Amino acid sequence: MPAVETRRDLRRSQEMRARFWHVAIVSSFFLVVVGASLFLGAVMVIGTLRSNGGTNELTADGRTGRIARSLHDGKFCHYIIFDNKTAHAVEDRIGRCDEGKSKPRKEAPVTFSWGR
């Protein structure tokens, strides 16, 4: 019987060792995933705070767009400035819809001529 008990003790110790390494590997995996998430989140937050620089001015380096929505009368538009980097929309003003377009040149009035 001592041989059976020895095998049983050996088997039990191997199972305990395997269970220990299984728990250690799974726990370390989750610690790595959580640590990487916290690190990347902190890097993104700090990068965003540094890029703002404390100013809310919209820059004119091509990252903003001007959107014109016509009002009910069709002559006036409500202008909105959209910042593509921060995804913020700022109400600009209300003005004529055709102010940004080039004015058509006035042609000379058509005059009557006999056969020419």
N, C-alpha and C. Protein backbone atom coordinates (compact mmCIF):
# COMPACT_ATOMS: atom_id res chain seq x y z
N MET A 1 0.79 -1.20 0.00
CA MET A 1 0.00 0.00 0.00
C MET A 1 0.84 1.27 0.00
N PRO A 2 2.02 1.25 0.54
CA PRO A 2 2.80 2.48 0.53
C PRO A 2 3.10 2.94 -0.89
N ALA A 3 3.19 2.03 -1.85
CA ALA A 3 3.46 2.44 -3.23
C ALA A 3 2.27 3.21 -3.80
N VAL A 4 1.08 2.77 -3.45
CA VAL A 4 -0.13 3.44 -3.94
C VAL A 4 -0.22 4.84 -3.33
N GLU A 5 0.07 4.96 -2.04
CA GLU A 5 0.02 6.27 -1.39
C GLU A 5 1.10 7.19 -1.94
N THR A 6 2.25 6.65 -2.26
CA THR A 6 3.32 7.46 -2.81
C THR A 6 2.93 8.00 -4.18
N ARG A 7 2.34 7.12 -5.00
CA ARG A 7 1.88 7.58 -6.33
C ARG A 7 0.78 8.63 -6.18
N ARG A 8 -0.11 8.42 -5.24
CA ARG A 8 -1.20 9.36 -5.03
C ARG A 8 -0.65 10.71 -4.58
N ASP A 9 0.33 10.69 -3.67
CA ASP A 9 0.95 11.94 -3.21
C ASP A 9 1.70 12.64 -4.35
N LEU A 10 2.39 11.85 -5.17
CA LEU A 10 3.12 12.41 -6.32
C LEU A 10 2.14 13.04 -7.31
N ARG A 11 1.05 12.34 -7.57
CA ARG A 11 0.05 12.85 -8.50
C ARG A 11 -0.59 14.13 -7.96
N ARG A 12 -0.90 14.15 -6.66
CA ARG A 12 -1.48 15.31 -6.04
C ARG A 12 -0.54 16.51 -6.10
N SER A 13 0.74 16.30 -5.87
CA SER A 13 1.70 17.41 -5.93
C SER A 13 1.85 17.91 -7.37
N GLN A 14 1.79 17.03 -8.35
CA GLN A 14 1.87 17.46 -9.75
C GLN A 14 0.63 18.28 -10.14
N GLU A 15 -0.54 17.85 -9.65
CA GLU A 15 -1.77 18.60 -9.93
C GLU A 15 -1.72 19.99 -9.27
N MET A 16 -1.22 20.03 -8.06
CA MET A 16 -1.11 21.33 -7.38
C MET A 16 -0.13 22.25 -8.10
N ARG A 17 0.98 21.70 -8.56
CA ARG A 17 1.97 22.49 -9.29
C ARG A 17 1.37 22.99 -10.61
N ALA A 18 0.64 22.13 -11.31
CA ALA A 18 0.01 22.54 -12.58
C ALA A 18 -1.05 23.61 -12.32
N ARG A 19 -1.83 23.45 -11.26
CA ARG A 19 -2.86 24.44 -10.94
C ARG A 19 -2.22 25.78 -10.57
N PHE A 20 -1.10 25.74 -9.82
CA PHE A 20 -0.40 26.96 -9.46
C PHE A 20 0.08 27.71 -10.71
N TRP A 21 0.71 27.00 -11.65
CA TRP A 21 1.20 27.66 -12.85
C TRP A 21 0.06 28.14 -13.74
N HIS A 22 -1.02 27.41 -13.76
CA HIS A 22 -2.19 27.85 -14.53
C HIS A 22 -2.73 29.17 -13.98
N VAL A 23 -2.89 29.25 -12.67
CA VAL A 23 -3.39 30.47 -12.04
C VAL A 23 -2.39 31.60 -12.22
N ALA A 24 -1.10 31.32 -12.12
CA ALA A 24 -0.08 32.36 -12.28
C ALA A 24 -0.08 32.92 -13.69
N ILE A 25 -0.20 32.06 -14.70
CA ILE A 25 -0.20 32.53 -16.10
C ILE A 25 -1.45 33.35 -16.40
N VAL A 26 -2.61 32.87 -15.99
CA VAL A 26 -3.85 33.60 -16.26
C VAL A 26 -3.85 34.95 -15.53
N SER A 27 -3.40 34.98 -14.28
CA SER A 27 -3.36 36.23 -13.53
C SER A 27 -2.38 37.22 -14.15
N SER A 28 -1.22 36.74 -14.57
CA SER A 28 -0.25 37.66 -15.18
C SER A 28 -0.78 38.19 -16.52
N PHE A 29 -1.52 37.37 -17.26
CA PHE A 29 -2.11 37.85 -18.51
C PHE A 29 -3.07 39.01 -18.24
N PHE A 30 -3.94 38.84 -17.27
CA PHE A 30 -4.89 39.91 -16.96
C PHE A 30 -4.18 41.15 -16.41
N LEU A 31 -3.15 40.96 -15.63
CA LEU A 31 -2.39 42.12 -15.14
C LEU A 31 -1.73 42.87 -16.29
N VAL A 32 -1.20 42.15 -17.27
CA VAL A 32 -0.58 42.80 -18.42
C VAL A 32 -1.63 43.56 -19.23
N VAL A 33 -2.79 42.96 -19.44
CA VAL A 33 -3.84 43.63 -20.22
C VAL A 33 -4.33 44.89 -19.51
N VAL A 34 -4.58 44.80 -18.22
CA VAL A 34 -5.05 45.97 -17.47
C VAL A 34 -3.96 47.04 -17.42
N GLY A 35 -2.71 46.65 -17.20
CA GLY A 35 -1.61 47.62 -17.16
C GLY A 35 -1.41 48.32 -18.48
N ALA A 36 -1.50 47.57 -19.59
CA ALA A 36 -1.34 48.18 -20.91
C ALA A 36 -2.50 49.15 -21.19
N SER A 37 -3.70 48.79 -20.80
CA SER A 37 -4.84 49.68 -21.01
C SER A 37 -4.68 50.98 -20.22
N LEU A 38 -4.26 50.86 -18.98
CA LEU A 38 -4.05 52.07 -18.17
C LEU A 38 -2.93 52.93 -18.74
N PHE A 39 -1.86 52.31 -19.18
CA PHE A 39 -0.74 53.06 -19.74
C PHE A 39 -1.15 53.79 -21.02
N LEU A 40 -1.81 53.08 -21.94
CA LEU A 40 -2.24 53.72 -23.19
C LEU A 40 -3.27 54.81 -22.94
N GLY A 41 -4.17 54.59 -22.01
CA GLY A 41 -5.15 55.63 -21.67
C GLY A 41 -4.48 56.88 -21.12
N ALA A 42 -3.50 56.69 -20.25
CA ALA A 42 -2.79 57.84 -19.70
C ALA A 42 -2.02 58.58 -20.78
N VAL A 43 -1.39 57.85 -21.70
CA VAL A 43 -0.65 58.50 -22.79
C VAL A 43 -1.60 59.31 -23.67
N MET A 44 -2.76 58.77 -23.96
CA MET A 44 -3.72 59.48 -24.81
C MET A 44 -4.26 60.73 -24.11
N VAL A 45 -4.56 60.63 -22.84
CA VAL A 45 -5.08 61.78 -22.10
C VAL A 45 -4.02 62.87 -22.00
N ILE A 46 -2.81 62.50 -21.66
CA ILE A 46 -1.74 63.50 -21.55
C ILE A 46 -1.46 64.13 -22.90
N GLY A 47 -1.47 63.35 -23.97
CA GLY A 47 -1.25 63.90 -25.31
C GLY A 47 -2.33 64.88 -25.70
N THR A 48 -3.56 64.58 -25.34
CA THR A 48 -4.67 65.49 -25.65
C THR A 48 -4.54 66.78 -24.87
N LEU A 49 -4.19 66.67 -23.60
CA LEU A 49 -4.05 67.87 -22.78
C LEU A 49 -2.90 68.75 -23.26
N ARG A 50 -1.82 68.14 -23.69
CA ARG A 50 -0.68 68.92 -24.18
C ARG A 50 -0.97 69.57 -25.52
N SER A 51 -1.72 68.89 -26.39
CA SER A 51 -1.97 69.46 -27.72
C SER A 51 -2.92 70.64 -27.66
N ASN A 52 -3.80 70.68 -26.65
CA ASN A 52 -4.71 71.82 -26.53
C ASN A 52 -3.96 73.08 -26.18
N GLY A 53 -2.98 72.99 -25.34
CA GLY A 53 -2.19 74.15 -24.96
C GLY A 53 -2.96 75.20 -24.20
N GLY A 54 -4.15 74.88 -23.74
CA GLY A 54 -4.93 75.82 -22.96
C GLY A 54 -5.69 76.83 -23.80
N THR A 55 -5.63 76.74 -25.11
CA THR A 55 -6.35 77.68 -25.94
C THR A 55 -7.47 76.97 -26.66
N ASN A 56 -8.56 77.66 -26.83
CA ASN A 56 -9.70 77.12 -27.55
C ASN A 56 -9.86 77.78 -28.92
N GLU A 57 -8.84 78.49 -29.35
CA GLU A 57 -8.93 79.16 -30.65
C GLU A 57 -8.88 78.13 -31.76
N LEU A 58 -9.65 78.38 -32.79
CA LEU A 58 -9.61 77.52 -33.95
C LEU A 58 -8.49 77.99 -34.86
N THR A 59 -7.71 77.09 -35.32
CA THR A 59 -6.59 77.46 -36.18
C THR A 59 -7.02 77.46 -37.63
N ALA A 60 -6.23 78.16 -38.42
CA ALA A 60 -6.54 78.28 -39.84
C ALA A 60 -5.59 77.42 -40.67
N ASP A 61 -5.17 76.29 -40.15
CA ASP A 61 -4.24 75.44 -40.89
C ASP A 61 -4.96 74.36 -41.68
N GLY A 62 -6.22 74.55 -41.98
CA GLY A 62 -6.96 73.61 -42.82
C GLY A 62 -7.69 72.54 -42.04
N ARG A 63 -7.69 72.61 -40.75
CA ARG A 63 -8.39 71.58 -40.01
C ARG A 63 -9.82 71.96 -39.68
N THR A 64 -10.22 73.18 -40.01
CA THR A 64 -11.59 73.61 -39.74
C THR A 64 -12.35 73.75 -41.04
N GLY A 65 -13.65 73.61 -40.93
CA GLY A 65 -14.53 73.78 -42.08
C GLY A 65 -15.68 74.68 -41.71
N ARG A 66 -16.20 75.39 -42.69
CA ARG A 66 -17.31 76.31 -42.45
C ARG A 66 -18.55 75.73 -43.09
N ILE A 67 -19.58 75.54 -42.30
CA ILE A 67 -20.83 74.95 -42.77
C ILE A 67 -21.89 76.03 -42.78
N ALA A 68 -22.62 76.12 -43.88
CA ALA A 68 -23.69 77.11 -44.00
C ALA A 68 -25.02 76.37 -44.11
N ARG A 69 -25.93 76.66 -43.18
CA ARG A 69 -27.28 76.09 -43.22
C ARG A 69 -28.24 77.22 -43.52
N SER A 70 -29.03 77.05 -44.56
CA SER A 70 -29.95 78.13 -44.93
C SER A 70 -31.12 78.18 -43.97
N LEU A 71 -31.57 79.39 -43.72
CA LEU A 71 -32.74 79.60 -42.87
C LEU A 71 -34.00 79.45 -43.70
N HIS A 72 -35.13 79.68 -43.09
CA HIS A 72 -36.41 79.45 -43.77
C HIS A 72 -36.62 80.36 -44.97
N ASP A 73 -36.11 81.59 -44.93
CA ASP A 73 -36.35 82.52 -46.03
C ASP A 73 -35.48 82.21 -47.25
N GLY A 74 -34.39 81.47 -47.08
CA GLY A 74 -33.54 81.11 -48.20
C GLY A 74 -32.49 82.15 -48.56
N LYS A 75 -32.57 83.33 -47.98
CA LYS A 75 -31.60 84.38 -48.28
C LYS A 75 -30.49 84.43 -47.25
N PHE A 76 -30.80 84.08 -46.03
CA PHE A 76 -29.82 84.13 -44.95
C PHE A 76 -29.42 82.72 -44.54
N CYS A 77 -28.17 82.59 -44.09
CA CYS A 77 -27.63 81.31 -43.66
C CYS A 77 -27.08 81.41 -42.25
N HIS A 78 -27.14 80.32 -41.55
CA HIS A 78 -26.55 80.21 -40.22
C HIS A 78 -25.21 79.49 -40.41
N TYR A 79 -24.11 80.17 -40.11
CA TYR A 79 -22.77 79.61 -40.33
C TYR A 79 -22.28 78.92 -39.06
N ILE A 80 -21.67 77.75 -39.25
CA ILE A 80 -21.10 76.97 -38.16
C ILE A 80 -19.67 76.60 -38.55
N ILE A 81 -18.74 76.74 -37.63
CA ILE A 81 -17.35 76.33 -37.87
C ILE A 81 -17.14 75.00 -37.16
N PHE A 82 -16.65 74.00 -37.92
CA PHE A 82 -16.43 72.66 -37.39
C PHE A 82 -14.94 72.36 -37.37
N ASP A 83 -14.43 71.98 -36.22
CA ASP A 83 -13.02 71.62 -36.06
C ASP A 83 -12.89 70.11 -36.26
N ASN A 84 -12.17 69.70 -37.29
CA ASN A 84 -12.05 68.28 -37.61
C ASN A 84 -11.21 67.51 -36.60
N LYS A 85 -10.27 68.16 -35.95
CA LYS A 85 -9.40 67.45 -35.02
C LYS A 85 -10.10 67.16 -33.70
N THR A 86 -10.79 68.15 -33.18
CA THR A 86 -11.44 67.97 -31.88
C THR A 86 -12.91 67.63 -32.00
N ALA A 87 -13.49 67.71 -33.18
CA ALA A 87 -14.90 67.42 -33.44
C ALA A 87 -15.83 68.37 -32.68
N HIS A 88 -15.41 69.62 -32.54
CA HIS A 88 -16.24 70.63 -31.90
C HIS A 88 -16.84 71.53 -32.97
N ALA A 89 -18.10 71.85 -32.79
CA ALA A 89 -18.78 72.78 -33.69
C ALA A 89 -19.06 74.06 -32.92
N VAL A 90 -18.72 75.20 -33.55
CA VAL A 90 -18.92 76.49 -32.92
C VAL A 90 -19.82 77.32 -33.83
N GLU A 91 -20.88 77.88 -33.23
CA GLU A 91 -21.78 78.73 -34.02
C GLU A 91 -21.06 80.02 -34.35
N ASP A 92 -21.07 80.38 -35.64
CA ASP A 92 -20.33 81.57 -36.06
C ASP A 92 -21.24 82.79 -36.09
N ARG A 93 -22.13 82.84 -37.06
CA ARG A 93 -23.00 84.01 -37.19
C ARG A 93 -24.08 83.72 -38.20
N ILE A 94 -24.95 84.67 -38.39
CA ILE A 94 -25.98 84.60 -39.42
C ILE A 94 -25.68 85.68 -40.44
N GLY A 95 -25.65 85.30 -41.71
CA GLY A 95 -25.35 86.25 -42.77
C GLY A 95 -26.00 85.82 -44.07
N ARG A 96 -25.76 86.59 -45.10
CA ARG A 96 -26.35 86.27 -46.41
C ARG A 96 -25.70 85.00 -46.95
N CYS A 97 -26.49 84.19 -47.61
CA CYS A 97 -25.98 82.92 -48.13
C CYS A 97 -25.03 83.10 -49.30
N ASP A 98 -25.17 84.18 -50.05
CA ASP A 98 -24.37 84.36 -51.25
C ASP A 98 -23.11 85.19 -51.00
N GLU A 99 -22.78 85.49 -49.76
CA GLU A 99 -21.63 86.35 -49.52
C GLU A 99 -20.30 85.67 -49.81
N GLY A 100 -20.23 84.38 -49.74
CA GLY A 100 -18.98 83.69 -50.02
C GLY A 100 -18.79 83.40 -51.50
N LYS A 101 -19.82 83.50 -52.26
CA LYS A 101 -19.74 83.21 -53.69
C LYS A 101 -19.28 84.45 -54.44
N SER A 102 -18.66 84.20 -55.56
CA SER A 102 -18.25 85.34 -56.38
C SER A 102 -19.48 85.93 -57.06
N LYS A 103 -19.48 87.25 -57.16
CA LYS A 103 -20.61 87.94 -57.78
C LYS A 103 -20.53 87.79 -59.29
N PRO A 104 -21.63 87.50 -59.92
CA PRO A 104 -21.60 87.40 -61.38
C PRO A 104 -21.38 88.78 -62.00
N ARG A 105 -20.60 88.80 -63.08
CA ARG A 105 -20.36 90.08 -63.74
C ARG A 105 -21.62 90.53 -64.44
N LYS A 106 -21.86 91.81 -64.37
CA LYS A 106 -23.02 92.34 -65.05
C LYS A 106 -22.67 92.52 -66.52
N GLU A 107 -23.48 91.93 -67.33
CA GLU A 107 -23.26 92.06 -68.77
C GLU A 107 -23.96 93.31 -69.28
N ALA A 108 -23.42 93.82 -70.34
CA ALA A 108 -24.06 95.00 -70.95
C ALA A 108 -25.44 94.59 -71.44
N PRO A 109 -26.40 95.47 -71.28
CA PRO A 109 -27.75 95.12 -71.74
C PRO A 109 -27.75 94.89 -73.25
N VAL A 110 -28.56 93.96 -73.65
CA VAL A 110 -28.66 93.63 -75.06
C VAL A 110 -29.33 94.79 -75.78
N THR A 111 -28.69 95.24 -76.84
CA THR A 111 -29.26 96.34 -77.63
C THR A 111 -29.76 95.78 -78.94
N PHE A 112 -30.74 96.45 -79.46
CA PHE A 112 -31.31 96.02 -80.73
C PHE A 112 -30.43 96.49 -81.88
N SER A 113 -30.19 95.60 -82.83
CA SER A 113 -29.47 96.00 -84.04
C SER A 113 -30.15 95.34 -85.23
N TRP A 114 -30.10 96.04 -86.38
CA TRP A 114 -30.75 95.55 -87.58
C TRP A 114 -29.81 94.59 -88.29
N GLY A 115 -29.98 93.32 -88.19
CA GLY A 115 -29.25 92.32 -88.97
C GLY A 115 -27.82 92.11 -88.55
N ARG A 116 -27.38 92.61 -87.57
CA ARG A 116 -25.98 92.36 -87.17
C ARG A 116 -25.91 91.34 -86.12
